[in-house]
N, C-alpha and C. Protein backbone atom coordinates (compact mmCIF):
# COMPACT_ATOMS: atom_id res chain seq x y z
N MET A 1 117.08 107.07 58.71
CA MET A 1 115.66 106.95 58.50
C MET A 1 115.38 105.79 57.53
N ILE A 2 114.41 104.98 57.87
CA ILE A 2 114.02 103.88 57.00
C ILE A 2 112.97 104.41 56.02
N ASN A 3 113.19 104.14 54.74
CA ASN A 3 112.19 104.57 53.76
C ASN A 3 111.71 103.36 52.96
N THR A 4 110.54 103.53 52.36
CA THR A 4 109.97 102.48 51.52
C THR A 4 110.07 102.94 50.08
N ARG A 5 110.57 102.03 49.23
CA ARG A 5 110.71 102.33 47.81
C ARG A 5 110.34 101.10 47.01
N THR A 6 109.90 101.33 45.80
CA THR A 6 109.72 100.24 44.86
C THR A 6 111.02 100.13 44.09
N ILE A 7 111.61 98.92 44.10
CA ILE A 7 112.92 98.71 43.50
C ILE A 7 112.83 97.60 42.46
N ALA A 8 113.49 97.79 41.32
CA ALA A 8 113.53 96.77 40.27
C ALA A 8 114.23 95.52 40.81
N LEU A 9 113.66 94.35 40.52
CA LEU A 9 114.26 93.10 40.98
C LEU A 9 115.67 92.93 40.44
N ALA A 10 115.95 93.50 39.29
CA ALA A 10 117.30 93.42 38.72
C ALA A 10 118.34 94.10 39.62
N ASP A 11 117.89 95.00 40.50
CA ASP A 11 118.79 95.71 41.40
C ASP A 11 118.83 95.11 42.80
N ILE A 12 118.13 93.98 42.99
CA ILE A 12 118.05 93.34 44.31
C ILE A 12 118.75 91.98 44.24
N ALA A 13 119.57 91.71 45.24
CA ALA A 13 120.30 90.43 45.28
C ALA A 13 119.97 89.70 46.58
N PRO A 14 119.92 88.37 46.51
CA PRO A 14 119.76 87.61 47.75
C PRO A 14 121.01 87.75 48.61
N ASN A 15 120.85 87.52 49.89
CA ASN A 15 121.98 87.60 50.80
C ASN A 15 122.83 86.34 50.68
N THR A 16 123.99 86.48 50.05
CA THR A 16 124.93 85.37 49.90
C THR A 16 126.17 85.56 50.75
N GLY A 17 126.10 86.50 51.69
CA GLY A 17 127.24 86.79 52.55
C GLY A 17 128.11 87.92 52.04
N GLN A 18 127.60 88.72 51.11
CA GLN A 18 128.41 89.78 50.51
C GLN A 18 128.57 91.01 51.39
N ILE A 19 127.81 91.11 52.49
CA ILE A 19 127.98 92.23 53.41
C ILE A 19 128.93 91.79 54.51
N PRO A 20 130.07 92.47 54.69
CA PRO A 20 131.02 92.07 55.73
C PRO A 20 130.34 92.03 57.11
N GLY A 21 130.54 90.91 57.80
CA GLY A 21 129.97 90.74 59.14
C GLY A 21 128.56 90.21 59.16
N VAL A 22 127.96 90.01 57.99
CA VAL A 22 126.60 89.48 57.91
C VAL A 22 126.66 88.16 57.13
N PRO A 23 126.40 87.04 57.81
CA PRO A 23 126.49 85.75 57.11
C PRO A 23 125.41 85.59 56.05
N ALA A 24 125.66 84.68 55.14
CA ALA A 24 124.67 84.37 54.09
C ALA A 24 123.38 83.87 54.72
N ASN A 25 122.29 84.08 54.01
CA ASN A 25 120.99 83.59 54.48
C ASN A 25 121.05 82.06 54.60
N PRO A 26 120.82 81.52 55.80
CA PRO A 26 120.92 80.08 55.99
C PRO A 26 119.64 79.31 55.68
N ARG A 27 118.58 80.03 55.34
CA ARG A 27 117.29 79.37 55.13
C ARG A 27 117.17 78.78 53.74
N ILE A 28 116.45 77.69 53.67
CA ILE A 28 116.12 77.07 52.39
C ILE A 28 114.60 76.90 52.35
N ILE A 29 114.09 76.68 51.17
CA ILE A 29 112.66 76.44 51.04
C ILE A 29 112.48 75.24 50.13
N GLN A 30 111.73 74.27 50.61
CA GLN A 30 111.52 73.04 49.86
C GLN A 30 110.44 73.26 48.79
N ASP A 31 110.39 72.37 47.83
CA ASP A 31 109.50 72.51 46.68
C ASP A 31 108.05 72.78 47.06
N GLY A 32 107.49 72.01 47.98
CA GLY A 32 106.09 72.18 48.35
C GLY A 32 105.81 73.53 48.98
N ARG A 33 106.68 73.95 49.88
CA ARG A 33 106.49 75.26 50.52
C ARG A 33 106.74 76.40 49.53
N PHE A 34 107.69 76.21 48.64
CA PHE A 34 107.94 77.24 47.63
C PHE A 34 106.72 77.39 46.72
N THR A 35 106.12 76.29 46.34
CA THR A 35 104.91 76.32 45.51
C THR A 35 103.80 77.08 46.24
N LYS A 36 103.66 76.84 47.54
CA LYS A 36 102.64 77.55 48.34
C LYS A 36 102.95 79.04 48.42
N LEU A 37 104.21 79.40 48.57
CA LEU A 37 104.60 80.80 48.62
C LEU A 37 104.29 81.49 47.29
N VAL A 38 104.63 80.85 46.19
CA VAL A 38 104.34 81.40 44.86
C VAL A 38 102.83 81.60 44.70
N ARG A 39 102.06 80.59 45.08
CA ARG A 39 100.60 80.69 44.97
C ARG A 39 100.07 81.83 45.85
N SER A 40 100.62 81.96 47.03
CA SER A 40 100.21 83.02 47.94
C SER A 40 100.45 84.40 47.34
N LEU A 41 101.61 84.60 46.72
CA LEU A 41 101.92 85.89 46.10
C LEU A 41 101.03 86.16 44.90
N LYS A 42 100.68 85.11 44.17
CA LYS A 42 99.78 85.27 43.02
C LYS A 42 98.36 85.59 43.49
N ASP A 43 97.90 84.87 44.52
CA ASP A 43 96.53 85.06 45.01
C ASP A 43 96.33 86.40 45.71
N ASP A 44 97.33 86.86 46.44
CA ASP A 44 97.22 88.09 47.22
C ASP A 44 98.47 88.96 47.03
N PRO A 45 98.65 89.53 45.84
CA PRO A 45 99.87 90.31 45.58
C PRO A 45 100.00 91.54 46.49
N GLU A 46 98.88 92.03 47.00
CA GLU A 46 98.94 93.20 47.88
C GLU A 46 99.67 92.90 49.20
N MET A 47 99.86 91.61 49.51
CA MET A 47 100.62 91.26 50.71
C MET A 47 102.04 91.82 50.65
N MET A 48 102.59 91.95 49.44
CA MET A 48 103.94 92.51 49.33
C MET A 48 103.97 93.97 49.76
N GLU A 49 102.87 94.66 49.59
CA GLU A 49 102.79 96.06 50.06
C GLU A 49 102.75 96.11 51.59
N LEU A 50 102.20 95.04 52.18
CA LEU A 50 102.09 94.98 53.64
C LEU A 50 103.33 94.39 54.30
N ARG A 51 104.06 93.60 53.54
CA ARG A 51 105.25 92.89 54.08
C ARG A 51 106.38 93.01 53.07
N GLU A 52 106.96 94.21 52.99
CA GLU A 52 107.99 94.49 52.01
C GLU A 52 109.26 93.68 52.25
N LEU A 53 110.10 93.61 51.24
CA LEU A 53 111.44 93.06 51.42
C LEU A 53 112.23 94.05 52.27
N LEU A 54 113.10 93.55 53.11
CA LEU A 54 114.00 94.40 53.89
C LEU A 54 115.35 94.35 53.19
N VAL A 55 115.83 95.49 52.72
CA VAL A 55 117.06 95.52 51.93
C VAL A 55 118.06 96.53 52.48
N TYR A 56 119.32 96.26 52.18
CA TYR A 56 120.43 97.12 52.58
C TYR A 56 121.25 97.40 51.33
N GLU A 57 121.47 98.67 51.03
CA GLU A 57 122.21 99.02 49.82
C GLU A 57 123.71 98.86 50.03
N GLN A 58 124.32 98.12 49.10
CA GLN A 58 125.76 97.92 49.12
C GLN A 58 126.29 97.99 47.70
N ASP A 59 127.13 98.95 47.44
CA ASP A 59 127.77 99.10 46.12
C ASP A 59 126.74 99.14 44.99
N GLY A 60 125.66 99.85 45.18
CA GLY A 60 124.66 100.02 44.13
C GLY A 60 123.67 98.87 43.99
N THR A 61 123.81 97.84 44.81
CA THR A 61 122.88 96.71 44.80
C THR A 61 122.17 96.66 46.14
N PHE A 62 120.91 96.28 46.11
CA PHE A 62 120.15 96.14 47.34
C PHE A 62 120.17 94.67 47.75
N VAL A 63 120.80 94.39 48.89
CA VAL A 63 120.94 93.03 49.39
C VAL A 63 119.78 92.75 50.36
N VAL A 64 119.12 91.62 50.17
CA VAL A 64 117.97 91.28 51.01
C VAL A 64 118.44 90.84 52.39
N ILE A 65 117.95 91.53 53.40
CA ILE A 65 118.20 91.16 54.80
C ILE A 65 117.03 90.34 55.31
N GLY A 66 115.84 90.63 54.83
CA GLY A 66 114.63 89.88 55.19
C GLY A 66 113.76 89.72 53.97
N GLY A 67 113.48 88.46 53.59
CA GLY A 67 112.60 88.21 52.45
C GLY A 67 113.26 87.51 51.29
N ASN A 68 114.34 86.79 51.53
CA ASN A 68 115.04 86.09 50.45
C ASN A 68 114.14 85.11 49.70
N MET A 69 113.27 84.40 50.41
CA MET A 69 112.39 83.44 49.75
C MET A 69 111.30 84.16 48.94
N ARG A 70 110.83 85.29 49.46
CA ARG A 70 109.85 86.08 48.70
C ARG A 70 110.49 86.63 47.43
N LEU A 71 111.75 87.04 47.50
CA LEU A 71 112.46 87.51 46.31
C LEU A 71 112.53 86.40 45.27
N LYS A 72 112.88 85.21 45.71
CA LYS A 72 112.95 84.06 44.80
C LYS A 72 111.59 83.79 44.16
N ALA A 73 110.54 83.85 44.95
CA ALA A 73 109.19 83.60 44.43
C ALA A 73 108.76 84.71 43.47
N LEU A 74 109.08 85.94 43.77
CA LEU A 74 108.73 87.05 42.88
C LEU A 74 109.40 86.87 41.52
N LYS A 75 110.66 86.50 41.53
CA LYS A 75 111.37 86.26 40.27
C LYS A 75 110.74 85.11 39.51
N HIS A 76 110.33 84.08 40.23
CA HIS A 76 109.72 82.90 39.61
C HIS A 76 108.41 83.26 38.89
N ILE A 77 107.64 84.17 39.46
CA ILE A 77 106.35 84.53 38.82
C ILE A 77 106.51 85.63 37.78
N GLY A 78 107.72 86.10 37.58
CA GLY A 78 107.96 87.08 36.54
C GLY A 78 107.76 88.53 36.96
N ALA A 79 107.73 88.79 38.26
CA ALA A 79 107.62 90.17 38.72
C ALA A 79 108.88 90.94 38.31
N THR A 80 108.75 92.23 38.16
CA THR A 80 109.90 93.04 37.75
C THR A 80 110.35 94.00 38.84
N GLU A 81 109.52 94.18 39.87
CA GLU A 81 109.87 95.09 40.95
C GLU A 81 109.19 94.65 42.24
N ALA A 82 109.64 95.22 43.35
CA ALA A 82 109.08 94.87 44.65
C ALA A 82 109.15 96.07 45.58
N PRO A 83 108.15 96.20 46.46
CA PRO A 83 108.25 97.22 47.49
C PRO A 83 109.29 96.77 48.52
N CYS A 84 110.11 97.71 48.95
CA CYS A 84 111.20 97.39 49.87
C CYS A 84 111.31 98.44 50.96
N LYS A 85 111.64 98.00 52.16
CA LYS A 85 112.06 98.88 53.23
C LYS A 85 113.58 98.94 53.11
N VAL A 86 114.10 100.14 52.91
CA VAL A 86 115.55 100.32 52.74
C VAL A 86 116.16 100.67 54.10
N ILE A 87 117.02 99.79 54.57
CA ILE A 87 117.69 99.96 55.86
C ILE A 87 118.80 100.99 55.69
N PRO A 88 118.92 101.93 56.62
CA PRO A 88 119.94 102.96 56.49
C PRO A 88 121.36 102.40 56.39
N ALA A 89 122.18 103.06 55.58
CA ALA A 89 123.55 102.62 55.31
C ALA A 89 124.44 102.65 56.55
N ASP A 90 124.06 103.43 57.56
CA ASP A 90 124.92 103.55 58.74
C ASP A 90 124.62 102.50 59.82
N TRP A 91 123.72 101.57 59.53
CA TRP A 91 123.44 100.53 60.52
C TRP A 91 124.58 99.51 60.52
N PRO A 92 125.06 99.14 61.70
CA PRO A 92 126.19 98.20 61.78
C PRO A 92 125.78 96.76 61.46
N ALA A 93 126.78 95.95 61.14
CA ALA A 93 126.55 94.55 60.76
C ALA A 93 125.80 93.79 61.85
N GLU A 94 126.10 94.04 63.12
CA GLU A 94 125.42 93.30 64.19
C GLU A 94 123.92 93.60 64.21
N LYS A 95 123.54 94.80 63.86
CA LYS A 95 122.12 95.17 63.78
C LYS A 95 121.47 94.46 62.58
N LEU A 96 122.16 94.41 61.46
CA LEU A 96 121.65 93.71 60.28
C LEU A 96 121.47 92.22 60.56
N ARG A 97 122.44 91.62 61.26
CA ARG A 97 122.33 90.19 61.63
C ARG A 97 121.11 89.97 62.52
N ALA A 98 120.91 90.86 63.49
CA ALA A 98 119.77 90.72 64.40
C ALA A 98 118.45 90.82 63.64
N ILE A 99 118.36 91.75 62.70
CA ILE A 99 117.14 91.91 61.92
C ILE A 99 116.88 90.65 61.08
N ALA A 100 117.92 90.15 60.45
CA ALA A 100 117.77 88.95 59.62
C ALA A 100 117.29 87.77 60.45
N THR A 101 117.85 87.62 61.63
CA THR A 101 117.45 86.52 62.51
C THR A 101 116.00 86.68 62.96
N LYS A 102 115.66 87.85 63.45
CA LYS A 102 114.30 88.08 63.96
C LYS A 102 113.25 88.02 62.86
N ASP A 103 113.62 88.42 61.66
CA ASP A 103 112.67 88.36 60.55
C ASP A 103 112.34 86.91 60.18
N ASN A 104 113.24 85.99 60.49
CA ASN A 104 113.06 84.60 60.09
C ASN A 104 112.63 83.67 61.22
N VAL A 105 112.40 84.22 62.40
CA VAL A 105 112.00 83.40 63.54
C VAL A 105 110.51 83.57 63.78
N SER A 106 109.84 82.47 63.94
CA SER A 106 108.43 82.50 64.29
C SER A 106 108.32 82.29 65.79
N PHE A 107 107.84 83.29 66.49
CA PHE A 107 107.75 83.21 67.94
C PHE A 107 106.47 82.52 68.40
N GLY A 108 105.42 82.64 67.63
CA GLY A 108 104.14 82.07 68.04
C GLY A 108 103.89 80.70 67.46
N GLU A 109 102.79 80.13 67.87
CA GLU A 109 102.34 78.85 67.34
C GLU A 109 100.92 79.02 66.82
N PHE A 110 100.52 78.19 65.88
CA PHE A 110 99.17 78.25 65.36
C PHE A 110 98.21 77.56 66.30
N ASP A 111 97.01 78.13 66.43
CA ASP A 111 95.90 77.45 67.07
C ASP A 111 95.16 76.77 65.93
N TRP A 112 95.48 75.50 65.70
CA TRP A 112 94.96 74.77 64.55
C TRP A 112 93.44 74.70 64.55
N ASP A 113 92.81 74.60 65.71
CA ASP A 113 91.34 74.56 65.78
C ASP A 113 90.75 75.88 65.27
N ALA A 114 91.35 76.99 65.67
CA ALA A 114 90.86 78.30 65.23
C ALA A 114 91.05 78.47 63.73
N LEU A 115 92.15 77.95 63.19
CA LEU A 115 92.40 78.05 61.75
C LEU A 115 91.37 77.26 60.95
N VAL A 116 90.98 76.12 61.46
CA VAL A 116 89.99 75.28 60.77
C VAL A 116 88.66 76.01 60.67
N GLU A 117 88.30 76.72 61.75
CA GLU A 117 87.04 77.46 61.75
C GLU A 117 87.11 78.62 60.82
């Protein structure tokens, strides 16, 4: 069962490949986009309640499967905790890899005209 918990950032680690069978997070965020992400979290902090970090517990630490850049931004703004969806411990590595990939892929495109309006 997947549960939602508020977890101290001190207990959450970015995915650096520490879970066997799950590669390190390959995404990077450039300065301009990171600044926008930080501003977004400051302007609308309730978004974290709507889009929690996806974490997997390993050896007492919660490893981020989805949301590594949000974790970095939260630490940057001085947050001390984050809402997290805790992935069950019995999920296999291939399922964790699939979640990490799907969480980071944008399937749609923006309708720029609609956004301007």
